[in-house]
N, C-alpha and C. Protein backbone atom coordinates (compact mmCIF):
# COMPACT_ATOMS: atom_id res chain seq x y z
N MET A 1 38.93 107.49 -84.45
CA MET A 1 39.84 107.38 -85.58
C MET A 1 40.59 108.70 -85.72
N SER A 2 41.86 108.63 -85.87
CA SER A 2 42.67 109.84 -86.03
C SER A 2 43.35 109.82 -87.39
N CYS A 3 43.56 111.01 -87.90
CA CYS A 3 44.20 111.16 -89.21
C CYS A 3 45.54 111.84 -89.01
N SER A 4 46.44 111.56 -89.90
CA SER A 4 47.74 112.20 -89.83
C SER A 4 47.60 113.68 -90.23
N PRO A 5 48.48 114.54 -89.70
CA PRO A 5 48.43 115.95 -90.09
C PRO A 5 48.62 116.15 -91.59
N ALA A 6 49.43 115.32 -92.21
CA ALA A 6 49.66 115.45 -93.65
C ALA A 6 48.36 115.18 -94.42
N PHE A 7 47.58 114.18 -93.98
CA PHE A 7 46.32 113.87 -94.64
C PHE A 7 45.31 115.01 -94.46
N LYS A 8 45.28 115.61 -93.29
CA LYS A 8 44.39 116.74 -93.03
C LYS A 8 44.74 117.92 -93.94
N TRP A 9 46.03 118.20 -94.10
CA TRP A 9 46.45 119.29 -94.98
C TRP A 9 46.10 118.97 -96.44
N PHE A 10 46.26 117.71 -96.79
CA PHE A 10 45.91 117.30 -98.15
C PHE A 10 44.43 117.58 -98.42
N LEU A 11 43.55 117.18 -97.49
CA LEU A 11 42.11 117.43 -97.67
C LEU A 11 41.80 118.92 -97.66
N LEU A 12 42.48 119.66 -96.83
CA LEU A 12 42.24 121.11 -96.75
C LEU A 12 42.62 121.80 -98.05
N LEU A 13 43.64 121.34 -98.71
CA LEU A 13 44.06 121.92 -99.99
C LEU A 13 43.27 121.36 -101.17
N LEU A 14 42.81 120.14 -101.05
CA LEU A 14 42.07 119.51 -102.15
C LEU A 14 40.70 120.14 -102.35
N PHE A 15 40.00 120.46 -101.30
CA PHE A 15 38.64 121.00 -101.40
C PHE A 15 38.58 122.28 -102.22
N PRO A 16 39.42 123.30 -101.94
CA PRO A 16 39.37 124.52 -102.79
C PRO A 16 39.75 124.24 -104.25
N LEU A 17 40.65 123.31 -104.46
CA LEU A 17 41.04 122.97 -105.84
C LEU A 17 39.88 122.34 -106.60
N VAL A 18 39.11 121.50 -105.94
CA VAL A 18 37.95 120.88 -106.58
C VAL A 18 36.91 121.95 -106.90
N LEU A 19 36.64 122.86 -105.97
CA LEU A 19 35.69 123.94 -106.22
C LEU A 19 36.16 124.84 -107.36
N ALA A 20 37.44 125.17 -107.38
CA ALA A 20 37.98 126.00 -108.46
C ALA A 20 37.86 125.27 -109.81
N SER A 21 38.08 123.99 -109.80
CA SER A 21 37.98 123.20 -111.03
C SER A 21 36.55 123.20 -111.57
N ILE A 22 35.58 123.03 -110.69
CA ILE A 22 34.18 123.05 -111.12
C ILE A 22 33.83 124.42 -111.68
N GLY A 23 34.22 125.48 -110.97
CA GLY A 23 33.94 126.84 -111.44
C GLY A 23 34.56 127.12 -112.78
N TRP A 24 35.81 126.69 -112.96
CA TRP A 24 36.50 126.90 -114.23
C TRP A 24 35.81 126.17 -115.37
N LYS A 25 35.37 124.93 -115.12
CA LYS A 25 34.69 124.16 -116.16
C LYS A 25 33.39 124.82 -116.57
N LEU A 26 32.66 125.36 -115.60
CA LEU A 26 31.41 126.04 -115.93
C LEU A 26 31.68 127.33 -116.70
N ALA A 27 32.70 128.07 -116.27
CA ALA A 27 32.99 129.36 -116.92
C ALA A 27 33.56 129.17 -118.32
N ALA A 28 34.32 128.11 -118.54
CA ALA A 28 35.00 127.91 -119.82
C ALA A 28 34.22 127.03 -120.78
N SER A 29 32.99 126.68 -120.44
CA SER A 29 32.21 125.83 -121.33
C SER A 29 31.92 126.57 -122.64
N PRO A 30 31.64 125.84 -123.70
CA PRO A 30 31.49 126.48 -125.00
C PRO A 30 30.26 127.36 -125.16
N ALA A 31 29.27 127.24 -124.31
CA ALA A 31 28.06 128.06 -124.45
C ALA A 31 28.38 129.51 -124.14
N ASN A 32 28.20 130.41 -125.12
CA ASN A 32 28.49 131.82 -124.92
C ASN A 32 27.38 132.56 -124.23
N SER A 33 26.17 132.11 -124.43
CA SER A 33 25.04 132.81 -123.86
C SER A 33 24.24 131.84 -123.02
N ILE A 34 23.08 132.29 -122.57
CA ILE A 34 22.23 131.43 -121.78
C ILE A 34 21.76 130.29 -122.66
N ASP A 35 21.43 129.15 -122.05
CA ASP A 35 21.03 128.01 -122.88
C ASP A 35 19.68 128.28 -123.53
N SER A 36 19.30 127.43 -124.46
CA SER A 36 18.13 127.70 -125.28
C SER A 36 16.84 127.80 -124.48
N SER A 37 16.67 126.98 -123.44
CA SER A 37 15.45 127.07 -122.66
C SER A 37 15.41 128.38 -121.88
N ASP A 38 16.55 128.81 -121.34
CA ASP A 38 16.61 130.10 -120.65
C ASP A 38 16.38 131.24 -121.64
N SER A 39 16.96 131.11 -122.83
CA SER A 39 16.80 132.15 -123.84
C SER A 39 15.34 132.27 -124.27
N THR A 40 14.67 131.16 -124.48
CA THR A 40 13.27 131.17 -124.86
C THR A 40 12.41 131.80 -123.77
N ALA A 41 12.67 131.44 -122.52
CA ALA A 41 11.92 132.01 -121.40
C ALA A 41 12.18 133.51 -121.28
N ALA A 42 13.42 133.93 -121.49
CA ALA A 42 13.76 135.35 -121.40
C ALA A 42 13.10 136.14 -122.52
N VAL A 43 13.09 135.60 -123.73
CA VAL A 43 12.43 136.27 -124.86
C VAL A 43 10.95 136.41 -124.56
N ARG A 44 10.34 135.36 -124.05
CA ARG A 44 8.91 135.41 -123.73
C ARG A 44 8.64 136.45 -122.64
N LEU A 45 9.48 136.51 -121.62
CA LEU A 45 9.31 137.48 -120.54
C LEU A 45 9.38 138.91 -121.08
N VAL A 46 10.37 139.17 -121.92
CA VAL A 46 10.55 140.52 -122.46
C VAL A 46 9.45 140.88 -123.45
N THR A 47 9.07 139.97 -124.33
CA THR A 47 8.02 140.29 -125.30
C THR A 47 6.67 140.47 -124.60
N ASP A 48 6.40 139.70 -123.55
CA ASP A 48 5.17 139.91 -122.78
C ASP A 48 5.18 141.28 -122.11
N PHE A 49 6.33 141.68 -121.58
CA PHE A 49 6.47 143.00 -120.96
C PHE A 49 6.18 144.09 -122.00
N LEU A 50 6.76 143.97 -123.18
CA LEU A 50 6.56 144.96 -124.23
C LEU A 50 5.08 145.01 -124.66
N ASP A 51 4.44 143.85 -124.78
CA ASP A 51 3.01 143.81 -125.14
C ASP A 51 2.15 144.51 -124.09
N ARG A 52 2.42 144.23 -122.82
CA ARG A 52 1.64 144.85 -121.74
C ARG A 52 1.73 146.37 -121.77
N HIS A 53 2.87 146.88 -122.25
CA HIS A 53 3.08 148.32 -122.26
C HIS A 53 2.90 148.91 -123.66
N HIS A 54 2.19 148.16 -124.51
CA HIS A 54 1.73 148.62 -125.82
C HIS A 54 2.85 148.94 -126.82
N PHE A 55 3.98 148.30 -126.70
CA PHE A 55 5.05 148.44 -127.69
C PHE A 55 4.82 147.42 -128.80
N ASN A 56 5.06 147.85 -130.02
CA ASN A 56 4.98 146.96 -131.17
C ASN A 56 6.38 146.53 -131.55
N ILE A 57 6.55 145.24 -131.78
CA ILE A 57 7.85 144.74 -132.23
C ILE A 57 7.90 144.93 -133.74
N VAL A 58 8.74 145.86 -134.16
CA VAL A 58 8.86 146.20 -135.58
C VAL A 58 9.76 145.21 -136.29
N ALA A 59 10.85 144.83 -135.64
CA ALA A 59 11.80 143.88 -136.23
C ALA A 59 12.47 143.09 -135.12
N SER A 60 12.79 141.86 -135.41
CA SER A 60 13.56 141.05 -134.47
C SER A 60 14.61 140.28 -135.26
N SER A 61 15.75 140.12 -134.64
CA SER A 61 16.84 139.40 -135.29
C SER A 61 17.75 138.83 -134.22
N GLU A 62 18.79 138.17 -134.67
CA GLU A 62 19.81 137.65 -133.76
C GLU A 62 21.16 138.14 -134.20
N MET A 63 21.95 138.57 -133.23
CA MET A 63 23.33 138.95 -133.52
C MET A 63 24.16 137.67 -133.55
N PRO A 64 25.39 137.75 -134.05
CA PRO A 64 26.26 136.58 -134.00
C PRO A 64 26.36 136.07 -132.56
N GLY A 65 26.25 134.78 -132.40
CA GLY A 65 26.28 134.20 -131.07
C GLY A 65 24.88 133.97 -130.51
N GLY A 66 23.86 134.40 -131.23
CA GLY A 66 22.50 134.11 -130.83
C GLY A 66 21.82 135.14 -129.94
N THR A 67 22.39 136.33 -129.79
CA THR A 67 21.77 137.37 -128.95
C THR A 67 20.52 137.92 -129.64
N PRO A 68 19.32 137.72 -129.03
CA PRO A 68 18.10 138.26 -129.63
C PRO A 68 18.06 139.79 -129.52
N VAL A 69 17.67 140.44 -130.62
CA VAL A 69 17.59 141.90 -130.68
C VAL A 69 16.21 142.27 -131.23
N PHE A 70 15.57 143.25 -130.59
CA PHE A 70 14.25 143.71 -131.02
C PHE A 70 14.28 145.21 -131.25
N ARG A 71 13.64 145.63 -132.32
CA ARG A 71 13.36 147.05 -132.53
C ARG A 71 11.88 147.21 -132.26
N VAL A 72 11.55 148.08 -131.32
CA VAL A 72 10.16 148.25 -130.91
C VAL A 72 9.78 149.73 -130.97
N ASN A 73 8.48 149.98 -131.09
CA ASN A 73 8.03 151.36 -131.04
C ASN A 73 6.67 151.47 -130.36
N PHE A 74 6.42 152.64 -129.84
CA PHE A 74 5.14 153.02 -129.26
C PHE A 74 4.98 154.50 -129.54
N ARG A 75 4.04 154.82 -130.40
CA ARG A 75 3.87 156.19 -130.89
C ARG A 75 5.19 156.66 -131.51
N ALA A 76 5.77 157.75 -131.00
CA ALA A 76 7.02 158.27 -131.57
C ALA A 76 8.26 157.68 -130.92
N CYS A 77 8.07 156.84 -129.95
CA CYS A 77 9.20 156.25 -129.22
C CYS A 77 9.67 154.98 -129.90
N GLN A 78 10.95 154.96 -130.28
CA GLN A 78 11.54 153.77 -130.87
C GLN A 78 12.71 153.32 -130.01
N MET A 79 12.72 152.04 -129.65
CA MET A 79 13.77 151.51 -128.79
C MET A 79 14.41 150.28 -129.42
N LEU A 80 15.64 150.06 -129.02
CA LEU A 80 16.37 148.85 -129.37
C LEU A 80 16.51 148.07 -128.08
N ILE A 81 16.11 146.81 -128.09
CA ILE A 81 16.19 145.97 -126.90
C ILE A 81 16.93 144.70 -127.29
N ALA A 82 17.94 144.35 -126.51
CA ALA A 82 18.71 143.13 -126.76
C ALA A 82 18.80 142.33 -125.47
N LEU A 83 18.70 141.02 -125.60
CA LEU A 83 18.90 140.14 -124.46
C LEU A 83 20.38 139.78 -124.43
N SER A 84 21.11 140.52 -123.65
CA SER A 84 22.56 140.40 -123.61
C SER A 84 23.01 139.14 -122.88
N SER A 85 24.20 138.71 -123.19
CA SER A 85 24.79 137.57 -122.50
C SER A 85 25.12 137.96 -121.06
N PRO A 86 24.84 137.08 -120.11
CA PRO A 86 25.21 137.36 -118.73
C PRO A 86 26.72 137.57 -118.56
N ARG A 87 27.49 136.99 -119.47
CA ARG A 87 28.94 137.13 -119.41
C ARG A 87 29.42 138.44 -120.02
N GLY A 88 28.54 139.14 -120.72
CA GLY A 88 28.86 140.46 -121.26
C GLY A 88 29.72 140.46 -122.50
N TRP A 89 29.89 139.33 -123.14
CA TRP A 89 30.77 139.27 -124.31
C TRP A 89 30.21 140.05 -125.50
N ASP A 90 28.90 140.33 -125.50
CA ASP A 90 28.30 141.01 -126.64
C ASP A 90 28.01 142.49 -126.38
N ARG A 91 28.51 143.05 -125.30
CA ARG A 91 28.20 144.45 -124.95
C ARG A 91 28.63 145.43 -126.03
N ASP A 92 29.80 145.24 -126.60
CA ASP A 92 30.28 146.17 -127.63
C ASP A 92 29.44 146.08 -128.90
N MET A 93 29.03 144.88 -129.27
CA MET A 93 28.18 144.74 -130.47
C MET A 93 26.84 145.44 -130.25
N ILE A 94 26.29 145.33 -129.05
CA ILE A 94 25.01 145.98 -128.77
C ILE A 94 25.17 147.50 -128.80
N ARG A 95 26.26 148.01 -128.24
CA ARG A 95 26.51 149.46 -128.27
C ARG A 95 26.59 149.98 -129.71
N LYS A 96 27.17 149.20 -130.59
CA LYS A 96 27.30 149.63 -131.99
C LYS A 96 25.95 149.71 -132.70
N LEU A 97 24.96 148.96 -132.23
CA LEU A 97 23.63 149.01 -132.84
C LEU A 97 22.86 150.27 -132.44
N ALA A 98 23.22 150.85 -131.29
CA ALA A 98 22.51 152.04 -130.80
C ALA A 98 22.98 153.28 -131.55
N ARG A 99 22.07 154.26 -131.62
CA ARG A 99 22.44 155.55 -132.22
C ARG A 99 23.24 156.35 -131.21
N SER A 100 24.08 157.25 -131.70
CA SER A 100 24.97 158.01 -130.81
C SER A 100 24.22 158.90 -129.83
N ASP A 101 23.05 159.39 -130.19
CA ASP A 101 22.31 160.28 -129.30
C ASP A 101 21.32 159.52 -128.40
N ASP A 102 21.30 158.20 -128.50
CA ASP A 102 20.40 157.41 -127.67
C ASP A 102 20.91 157.28 -126.23
N GLN A 103 19.97 157.06 -125.36
CA GLN A 103 20.27 156.78 -123.96
C GLN A 103 20.32 155.26 -123.82
N SER A 104 21.43 154.73 -123.34
CA SER A 104 21.58 153.28 -123.22
C SER A 104 21.73 152.90 -121.77
N PHE A 105 21.12 151.76 -121.40
CA PHE A 105 21.22 151.25 -120.04
C PHE A 105 20.92 149.75 -120.06
N VAL A 106 21.11 149.12 -118.92
CA VAL A 106 20.91 147.68 -118.79
C VAL A 106 19.94 147.44 -117.64
N VAL A 107 19.03 146.49 -117.85
CA VAL A 107 18.08 146.09 -116.81
C VAL A 107 18.42 144.68 -116.37
N PHE A 108 18.61 144.50 -115.07
CA PHE A 108 18.89 143.18 -114.51
C PHE A 108 18.16 143.08 -113.18
N HIS A 109 17.38 142.04 -113.03
CA HIS A 109 16.53 141.85 -111.84
C HIS A 109 15.63 143.05 -111.58
N GLY A 110 15.14 143.65 -112.65
CA GLY A 110 14.21 144.76 -112.53
C GLY A 110 14.84 146.09 -112.14
N ARG A 111 16.15 146.14 -112.05
CA ARG A 111 16.86 147.39 -111.72
C ARG A 111 17.58 147.91 -112.95
N VAL A 112 17.64 149.23 -113.04
CA VAL A 112 18.29 149.89 -114.17
C VAL A 112 19.73 150.24 -113.79
N TYR A 113 20.66 149.88 -114.67
CA TYR A 113 22.09 150.16 -114.47
C TYR A 113 22.62 150.90 -115.71
N ALA A 114 23.54 151.81 -115.49
CA ALA A 114 24.18 152.50 -116.61
C ALA A 114 25.01 151.53 -117.44
N GLU A 115 25.67 150.59 -116.79
CA GLU A 115 26.47 149.55 -117.44
C GLU A 115 26.05 148.20 -116.88
N GLN A 116 26.33 147.14 -117.60
CA GLN A 116 25.99 145.80 -117.12
C GLN A 116 26.76 145.50 -115.83
N PRO A 117 26.06 145.11 -114.76
CA PRO A 117 26.74 144.77 -113.51
C PRO A 117 27.38 143.38 -113.63
N MET A 118 28.56 143.35 -114.23
CA MET A 118 29.21 142.10 -114.61
C MET A 118 29.34 141.10 -113.47
N LEU A 119 29.75 141.55 -112.31
CA LEU A 119 29.95 140.62 -111.20
C LEU A 119 28.64 139.92 -110.86
N ARG A 120 27.56 140.66 -110.85
CA ARG A 120 26.25 140.08 -110.52
C ARG A 120 25.74 139.15 -111.61
N THR A 121 25.85 139.58 -112.86
CA THR A 121 25.30 138.76 -113.94
C THR A 121 26.11 137.48 -114.13
N VAL A 122 27.42 137.57 -114.05
CA VAL A 122 28.25 136.38 -114.21
C VAL A 122 28.06 135.43 -113.03
N ALA A 123 28.00 135.97 -111.82
CA ALA A 123 27.82 135.12 -110.64
C ALA A 123 26.49 134.38 -110.71
N GLU A 124 25.42 135.08 -111.10
CA GLU A 124 24.12 134.41 -111.19
C GLU A 124 24.11 133.38 -112.30
N PHE A 125 24.75 133.71 -113.43
CA PHE A 125 24.84 132.77 -114.54
C PHE A 125 25.55 131.49 -114.10
N LEU A 126 26.70 131.63 -113.45
CA LEU A 126 27.46 130.46 -113.02
C LEU A 126 26.71 129.67 -111.96
N TRP A 127 26.04 130.37 -111.06
CA TRP A 127 25.27 129.69 -110.01
C TRP A 127 24.12 128.88 -110.64
N SER A 128 23.40 129.47 -111.59
CA SER A 128 22.30 128.75 -112.22
C SER A 128 22.81 127.57 -113.04
N ARG A 129 23.97 127.75 -113.68
CA ARG A 129 24.58 126.63 -114.42
C ARG A 129 24.95 125.49 -113.49
N LEU A 130 25.55 125.83 -112.33
CA LEU A 130 25.92 124.81 -111.36
C LEU A 130 24.69 124.07 -110.87
N LEU A 131 23.65 124.80 -110.52
CA LEU A 131 22.42 124.15 -110.06
C LEU A 131 21.82 123.28 -111.16
N GLY A 132 21.88 123.75 -112.41
CA GLY A 132 21.39 122.95 -113.53
C GLY A 132 22.19 121.68 -113.71
N GLU A 133 23.51 121.77 -113.55
CA GLU A 133 24.37 120.58 -113.66
C GLU A 133 24.06 119.57 -112.56
N LEU A 134 23.59 120.07 -111.42
CA LEU A 134 23.23 119.19 -110.31
C LEU A 134 21.80 118.66 -110.45
N GLY A 135 21.11 119.06 -111.52
CA GLY A 135 19.76 118.57 -111.76
C GLY A 135 18.67 119.40 -111.10
N LEU A 136 19.02 120.56 -110.59
CA LEU A 136 18.04 121.42 -109.95
C LEU A 136 17.54 122.48 -110.93
N GLU A 137 16.31 122.92 -110.74
CA GLU A 137 15.71 123.94 -111.62
C GLU A 137 16.21 125.31 -111.19
N ALA A 138 16.89 125.99 -112.08
CA ALA A 138 17.37 127.35 -111.79
C ALA A 138 17.53 128.10 -113.11
N ARG A 139 17.07 129.33 -113.12
CA ARG A 139 17.20 130.16 -114.32
C ARG A 139 17.81 131.49 -113.94
N ALA A 140 18.77 131.91 -114.73
CA ALA A 140 19.38 133.22 -114.52
C ALA A 140 18.40 134.29 -115.01
N ALA A 141 18.35 135.39 -114.31
CA ALA A 141 17.49 136.51 -114.74
C ALA A 141 18.05 137.06 -116.05
N PRO A 142 17.18 137.51 -116.95
CA PRO A 142 17.67 138.05 -118.22
C PRO A 142 18.42 139.37 -118.01
N VAL A 143 19.39 139.59 -118.86
CA VAL A 143 20.13 140.86 -118.90
C VAL A 143 19.62 141.58 -120.14
N VAL A 144 18.88 142.67 -119.92
CA VAL A 144 18.21 143.37 -121.01
C VAL A 144 18.93 144.69 -121.28
N ALA A 145 19.50 144.81 -122.46
CA ALA A 145 20.16 146.05 -122.87
C ALA A 145 19.14 146.88 -123.63
N VAL A 146 19.01 148.15 -123.25
CA VAL A 146 18.01 149.05 -123.84
C VAL A 146 18.70 150.29 -124.37
N SER A 147 18.28 150.71 -125.55
CA SER A 147 18.78 151.95 -126.14
C SER A 147 17.59 152.69 -126.72
N ALA A 148 17.42 153.94 -126.28
CA ALA A 148 16.27 154.73 -126.74
C ALA A 148 16.60 156.21 -126.67
N PRO A 149 15.93 157.03 -127.49
CA PRO A 149 16.13 158.48 -127.39
C PRO A 149 15.69 158.98 -126.02
N PRO A 150 16.32 160.03 -125.51
CA PRO A 150 15.93 160.57 -124.20
C PRO A 150 14.45 160.96 -124.13
N SER A 151 13.86 161.35 -125.25
CA SER A 151 12.45 161.75 -125.26
C SER A 151 11.50 160.60 -124.93
N CYS A 152 11.97 159.36 -125.05
CA CYS A 152 11.12 158.20 -124.76
C CYS A 152 10.94 157.96 -123.26
N ASP A 153 11.83 158.47 -122.43
CA ASP A 153 11.82 158.20 -121.00
C ASP A 153 11.76 156.70 -120.74
N ALA A 154 12.61 155.95 -121.44
CA ALA A 154 12.63 154.49 -121.31
C ALA A 154 12.99 154.04 -119.90
N LYS A 155 13.80 154.81 -119.20
CA LYS A 155 14.14 154.43 -117.82
C LYS A 155 12.93 154.48 -116.90
N GLY A 156 11.91 155.23 -117.31
CA GLY A 156 10.71 155.38 -116.49
C GLY A 156 9.73 154.22 -116.62
N LEU A 157 9.98 153.28 -117.52
CA LEU A 157 9.11 152.11 -117.64
C LEU A 157 9.23 151.24 -116.39
N PRO A 158 8.21 150.47 -116.06
CA PRO A 158 8.25 149.63 -114.86
C PRO A 158 9.10 148.37 -115.06
N TRP A 159 10.39 148.56 -115.19
CA TRP A 159 11.31 147.46 -115.45
C TRP A 159 11.33 146.43 -114.31
N GLN A 160 10.87 146.80 -113.12
CA GLN A 160 10.85 145.86 -112.00
C GLN A 160 9.98 144.63 -112.31
N GLU A 161 9.15 144.72 -113.34
CA GLU A 161 8.35 143.57 -113.76
C GLU A 161 9.22 142.47 -114.36
N LEU A 162 10.44 142.79 -114.76
CA LEU A 162 11.35 141.81 -115.38
C LEU A 162 12.27 141.19 -114.34
N ARG A 163 11.71 140.52 -113.39
CA ARG A 163 12.54 139.87 -112.35
C ARG A 163 12.67 138.40 -112.60
């Protein structure tokens, strides 16, 4: 069976358009943050990590849009921990919660970054959403924003446990 060259070009152009359409629909969906099951799992992962390292959760709240925020302490060390959106829309709100002399960083896949690695977090978020839409089990790794005084040595914690 042979196809006309025009039909082949049509298929060649249609495939990228379909992929772009799917990506756009996933990116433009109304959910600003990770879905509730991912959020619950991420909160559990982070709170278990804090418990293992003897941090007490002093206060917990949610920022507009549902971003969980924790104030924790261990002895004289007080930290602010937020489960940031993989899309990074809440980065400025989280920065405003930190004190000016605090050391701020982001943990993603157990690695510490000075700023949220947007390309990685958004790509993983979209990939997990696509797999979820296809009925497959996939969870995006949590994006953990941390703010603490330099005396806490918060970067020295074993963040690799949060994978």
